[in-house]
Each structure stands twice: as structure tokens, then as C-alpha cells.
Amino acid sequence: MKKIETWLPCFSGFYNTIWDNGESLRYDTRQDFEEVDYLIGLLKVNKIEDIDNFINETLWNNVDSKGRDNDIVKSLSSYVEDVLIDLKLIKSLKFGKLCSPAYYNFSNDSAGVEIVLTAENVRNIHEYIDNNRDKFFEHIKSHYTSYDGFWSGHSNYASNWIDKDNEEYFLNESHKLGAVLQFILMNEYDDFEVNSYYEIEHYESEYVNYEGMITDWLKYKTIKE
């Protein structure tokens, strides 16, 4: 068996992607304040009538974003693991940690994972690539060719990726296994990442501190007055 640390396939990060919690969090929070008796009571007691303004002013300082993001990536890792095991391409996939850039100008969030492969898994990956050779070669060419403003750092010749004697072989360093598995998932399933989003149960409002929102609103209201 071979153990490799790589990145989670088919996770494009949180910033400006389907995993961004902006609109869904706002929607879920508003729904809770309209339907949950306890929260309706909080609004009445504190004489809050403009729910939209209340949410806009207080929500973002009262969300456990790190907890929410970590839970989502853990759930996605488990989902991806199940799919890849069903395809007989891995033995296991273990979530490591979520990595976020200091600035989102040129990169997005990624998740480190540890993947365990058996000899059979490796043979199956090679067989899949052989059966989808043209698509794989095209995929590597389009994703790993350097251009102005982007340096790939990896060969854009797919033949190097599958040559066991080549230093660019996909099991020789951490990035490439994630890339190969992502190609397979994208090739095997339409809109895999989008479908994953809807397969994973996540309730945005679980991470909201409602009492904190009320406290902040009362402070905000005092300052305005």
C-alpha cells in the first residue's frame, strides 16, 4: 500500500464559488427568524421589525465561519472518499486540514487529504487513464500549460504523468494524485462538484449566534440614537 498526502479533488474553495455561504446563510437565517418561535419572540421583545436591516447589520460578526467551513470540507471529503472507493480507485481518504490564502487575488481555499492506495487501486487508475487517454492528455495540456501570469510548475505532457520512470509520474509528488483523481471524477460524472454540494447536508444557520446578533443590534441602535 502507498500513502500520499495530496489535495481534495473537486473542491474549488469558498471564495465566489458554490461553497460560498453568503446568500444561503442570509436566507436560512431570515427563515429561522420568521419560523422559529424562540427567535420570533426575541424580535418582538427587542422591537425589531426590519428583519433584513437587522440581518445585514449583525449577521457577519456572529457566524462561526471557520467551524462551518471545516465541517463542510470534512463532509465533502467523506463523500469524495465514498465515490472513489466505489470506483475502486482508493482504499481510503482522510481529511487533514483546510488551507486558506492570505489574499484571494490569485488562489482559493484548498483542503489537504491523505490518500491510501493499494496495488489494485494504482492498476485501476492506470486502466482508467488508458481507456480515456485522449481526454486525459487534453485535460493535462489545458490545465498545466504555463502562460503569462500563470506558471504551472508541472509538465503539461500527460505521458510524463503516467510514466513510472519519469520524475513527473503522478505518484512521485503530492499534487498530481489529486489532479488525476479530479480528472476522473470530472470525466465520470457531470457537474460532480455541484452535485456534491447538494448531496452534503449542511445547515448554514447552525453556525449563527442569534443572541449575539440581538446584542449587536441593541449596541448598533444605541449608537445611531
Protein backbone atom coordinates (compact mmCIF):
# COMPACT_ATOMS: atom_id res chain seq x y z
CA MET A 1 0.00 0.00 0.00
CA LYS A 2 1.03 3.57 -0.68
CA LYS A 3 0.12 6.60 1.46
CA ILE A 4 0.18 10.01 -0.23
CA GLU A 5 -0.64 13.48 1.05
CA THR A 6 -2.39 15.48 -1.66
CA TRP A 7 -5.37 17.84 -2.08
CA LEU A 8 -9.09 17.16 -2.11
CA PRO A 9 -10.35 16.70 -5.68
CA CYS A 10 -13.33 18.73 -6.89
CA PHE A 11 -13.22 21.35 -4.17
CA SER A 12 -12.71 24.78 -5.74
CA GLY A 13 -12.59 26.72 -2.47
CA PHE A 14 -15.11 29.01 -0.76
CA TYR A 15 -14.50 32.41 -2.27
CA ASN A 16 -17.00 33.19 -5.05
CA THR A 17 -17.86 29.51 -5.58
CA ILE A 18 -20.89 27.35 -4.91
CA TRP A 19 -19.48 26.78 -1.40
CA ASP A 20 -19.62 30.50 -0.56
CA ASN A 21 -22.12 30.86 2.28
CA GLY A 22 -23.26 34.43 1.58
CA GLU A 23 -26.75 34.13 0.14
CA SER A 24 -27.63 30.75 1.62
CA LEU A 25 -26.65 31.89 5.11
CA ARG A 26 -28.67 35.08 4.82
CA TYR A 27 -31.67 33.12 3.52
CA ASP A 28 -31.50 30.42 6.23
CA THR A 29 -31.10 33.00 9.00
CA ARG A 30 -34.07 35.03 7.80
CA GLN A 31 -36.16 31.89 7.56
CA ASP A 32 -35.28 30.95 11.14
CA PHE A 33 -36.29 34.37 12.45
CA GLU A 34 -39.62 34.04 10.63
CA GLU A 35 -40.43 30.45 11.64
CA VAL A 36 -38.76 29.57 14.97
CA ASP A 37 -40.94 30.64 17.92
CA TYR A 38 -38.00 31.45 20.20
CA LEU A 39 -36.43 33.72 17.58
CA ILE A 40 -39.74 35.36 16.74
CA GLY A 41 -40.04 36.11 20.43
CA LEU A 42 -36.56 37.69 20.52
CA LEU A 43 -37.55 40.03 17.69
CA LYS A 44 -40.77 41.05 19.44
CA VAL A 45 -39.18 41.60 22.85
CA ASN A 46 -36.48 43.79 21.31
CA LYS A 47 -38.92 45.56 18.96
CA ILE A 48 -37.05 44.58 15.80
CA GLU A 49 -39.34 44.95 12.79
CA ASP A 50 -36.99 45.38 9.84
CA ILE A 51 -35.52 41.86 9.67
CA ASP A 52 -33.44 42.49 6.55
CA ASN A 53 -31.69 45.52 8.03
CA PHE A 54 -31.19 43.65 11.31
CA ILE A 55 -29.54 40.73 9.49
CA ASN A 56 -27.37 42.98 7.33
CA GLU A 57 -26.03 44.85 10.34
CA THR A 58 -25.42 41.93 12.72
CA LEU A 59 -25.10 38.58 10.94
CA TRP A 60 -21.48 38.53 9.78
CA ASN A 61 -19.97 39.24 13.19
CA ASN A 62 -21.94 36.37 14.69
CA VAL A 63 -21.10 33.46 12.40
CA ASP A 64 -18.61 30.70 13.17
CA SER A 65 -17.26 30.73 9.61
CA LYS A 66 -14.20 28.61 10.41
CA GLY A 67 -16.31 25.92 12.05
CA ARG A 68 -18.76 25.95 9.17
CA ASP A 69 -16.04 25.75 6.51
CA ASN A 70 -14.21 22.93 8.28
CA ASP A 71 -17.40 20.90 8.71
CA ILE A 72 -18.29 21.30 5.05
CA VAL A 73 -14.85 20.19 3.86
CA LYS A 74 -14.93 17.20 6.22
CA SER A 75 -18.32 16.18 4.82
CA LEU A 76 -17.14 16.69 1.25
CA SER A 77 -14.01 14.61 1.96
CA SER A 78 -16.18 11.75 3.22
CA TYR A 79 -18.42 11.99 0.16
CA VAL A 80 -15.49 12.02 -2.27
CA GLU A 81 -13.93 9.11 -0.38
CA ASP A 82 -17.09 7.03 -0.78
CA VAL A 83 -17.29 7.72 -4.52
CA LEU A 84 -13.61 6.91 -5.14
CA ILE A 85 -13.84 3.72 -3.07
CA ASP A 86 -16.90 2.65 -5.09
CA LEU A 87 -14.84 3.21 -8.24
CA LYS A 88 -12.09 1.05 -6.69
CA LEU A 89 -9.57 3.86 -7.14
CA ILE A 90 -8.53 4.34 -3.48
CA LYS A 91 -8.54 2.42 -0.22
CA SER A 92 -9.19 5.47 1.95
CA LEU A 93 -9.17 9.26 2.05
CA LYS A 94 -8.63 11.15 5.30
CA PHE A 95 -9.21 14.89 5.70
CA GLY A 96 -6.18 16.74 7.03
CA LYS A 97 -6.71 20.49 7.19
CA LEU A 98 -8.26 23.39 5.37
CA CYS A 99 -5.77 25.85 3.86
CA SER A 100 -6.84 29.40 3.05
CA PRO A 101 -4.72 32.01 1.27
CA ALA A 102 -3.85 35.31 2.89
CA TYR A 103 -5.34 37.03 -0.16
CA TYR A 104 -7.79 35.67 -2.72
CA ASN A 105 -6.33 37.53 -5.72
CA PHE A 106 -4.72 34.50 -7.36
CA SER A 107 -5.77 31.45 -5.33
CA ASN A 108 -8.63 29.99 -3.34
CA ASP A 109 -9.08 27.65 -0.39
CA SER A 110 -7.89 24.05 -0.64
CA ALA A 111 -8.07 21.00 1.59
CA GLY A 112 -5.18 18.70 2.40
CA VAL A 113 -6.03 15.00 2.47
CA GLU A 114 -4.17 11.73 2.98
CA ILE A 115 -4.98 9.02 0.45
CA VAL A 116 -4.09 5.35 0.77
CA LEU A 117 -3.74 3.29 -2.41
CA THR A 118 -3.45 -0.44 -2.89
CA ALA A 119 -1.64 -2.01 -5.84
CA GLU A 120 -5.07 -2.77 -7.31
CA ASN A 121 -6.09 0.89 -6.96
CA VAL A 122 -2.99 2.01 -8.86
CA ARG A 123 -3.70 -0.51 -11.63
CA ASN A 124 -7.29 0.71 -11.85
CA ILE A 125 -6.18 4.34 -12.14
CA HIS A 126 -3.80 3.44 -14.96
CA GLU A 127 -6.51 1.41 -16.67
CA TYR A 128 -8.97 4.31 -16.45
CA ILE A 129 -6.43 6.70 -17.95
CA ASP A 130 -5.64 4.21 -20.74
CA ASN A 131 -9.35 3.92 -21.53
CA ASN A 132 -9.74 7.71 -21.59
CA ARG A 133 -6.33 8.58 -22.94
CA ASP A 134 -7.28 11.39 -25.34
CA LYS A 135 -9.41 13.20 -22.75
CA PHE A 136 -6.71 12.85 -20.10
CA PHE A 137 -4.00 14.20 -22.39
CA GLU A 138 -6.23 17.12 -23.36
CA HIS A 139 -7.06 17.80 -19.70
CA ILE A 140 -3.40 17.94 -18.63
CA LYS A 141 -2.49 20.14 -21.60
CA SER A 142 -5.25 22.65 -20.87
CA HIS A 143 -4.70 22.79 -17.08
CA TYR A 144 -0.90 22.62 -16.86
CA THR A 145 0.39 24.75 -19.72
CA SER A 146 2.07 27.90 -18.43
CA TYR A 147 1.14 31.32 -19.81
CA ASP A 148 1.62 34.98 -18.91
CA GLY A 149 0.57 35.34 -15.29
CA PHE A 150 0.48 31.60 -14.61
CA TRP A 151 3.36 29.21 -14.03
CA SER A 152 2.23 25.62 -13.92
CA GLY A 153 5.17 24.03 -12.14
CA HIS A 154 4.20 20.68 -13.66
CA SER A 155 4.72 19.05 -17.03
CA ASN A 156 1.89 19.56 -19.50
CA TYR A 157 2.83 16.29 -21.22
CA ALA A 158 0.44 13.70 -19.83
CA SER A 159 2.75 10.90 -20.97
CA ASN A 160 5.19 12.05 -18.25
CA TRP A 161 2.47 11.77 -15.62
CA ILE A 162 1.83 8.08 -16.31
CA ASP A 163 5.44 7.01 -16.92
CA LYS A 164 6.63 5.27 -13.74
CA ASP A 165 10.27 6.05 -14.61
CA ASN A 166 9.64 9.76 -15.07
CA GLU A 167 10.10 12.22 -12.19
CA GLU A 168 6.73 13.72 -13.17
CA TYR A 169 4.95 10.38 -12.51
CA PHE A 170 1.69 11.09 -10.69
CA LEU A 171 2.64 9.08 -7.61
CA ASN A 172 6.01 10.79 -7.14
CA GLU A 173 4.81 14.02 -5.54
CA SER A 174 1.82 15.36 -3.68
CA HIS A 175 -0.04 17.47 -6.23
CA LYS A 176 -0.53 15.06 -9.08
CA LEU A 177 -2.57 12.31 -7.44
CA GLY A 178 -5.25 14.86 -6.52
CA ALA A 179 -5.17 16.17 -10.08
CA VAL A 180 -5.55 12.70 -11.62
CA LEU A 181 -8.45 11.80 -9.34
CA GLN A 182 -10.11 15.11 -10.08
CA PHE A 183 -9.87 14.41 -13.80
CA ILE A 184 -11.52 11.01 -13.29
CA LEU A 185 -14.37 12.44 -11.21
CA MET A 186 -14.97 15.27 -13.68
CA ASN A 187 -14.85 12.86 -16.60
CA GLU A 188 -17.02 10.21 -14.99
CA TYR A 189 -19.77 12.48 -13.64
CA ASP A 190 -21.43 15.61 -14.99
CA ASP A 191 -21.00 18.60 -12.65
CA PHE A 192 -19.54 16.46 -9.86
CA GLU A 193 -18.74 19.37 -7.57
CA VAL A 194 -22.18 20.96 -7.96
CA ASN A 195 -23.88 17.62 -7.31
CA SER A 196 -21.66 17.12 -4.26
CA TYR A 197 -22.91 20.40 -2.83
CA TYR A 198 -26.50 19.14 -2.93
CA GLU A 199 -25.60 15.69 -1.62
CA ILE A 200 -23.97 17.02 1.53
CA GLU A 201 -26.23 18.05 4.40
CA HIS A 202 -25.23 21.41 5.77
CA TYR A 203 -27.42 23.91 7.55
CA GLU A 204 -25.90 27.34 7.41
CA SER A 205 -27.81 28.76 10.37
CA GLU A 206 -26.34 26.14 12.72
CA TYR A 207 -23.27 28.37 12.92
CA VAL A 208 -25.11 31.59 13.81
CA ASN A 209 -25.09 33.11 17.30
CA TYR A 210 -28.61 34.57 17.40
CA GLU A 211 -28.28 36.08 20.86
CA GLY A 212 -25.07 37.76 19.71
CA MET A 213 -26.98 39.30 16.81
CA ILE A 214 -29.54 40.76 19.21
CA THR A 215 -26.79 42.15 21.46
CA ASP A 216 -25.01 43.75 18.50
CA TRP A 217 -28.28 45.21 17.23
CA LEU A 218 -29.02 46.87 20.56
CA LYS A 219 -25.50 48.37 20.57
CA TYR A 220 -25.91 49.49 16.95
CA LYS A 221 -29.27 51.04 17.74
CA THR A 222 -27.86 52.87 20.78
CA ILE A 223 -25.02 54.33 18.72
CA LYS A 224 -27.40 55.51 15.99
CA GLU A 225 -29.65 57.17 18.51
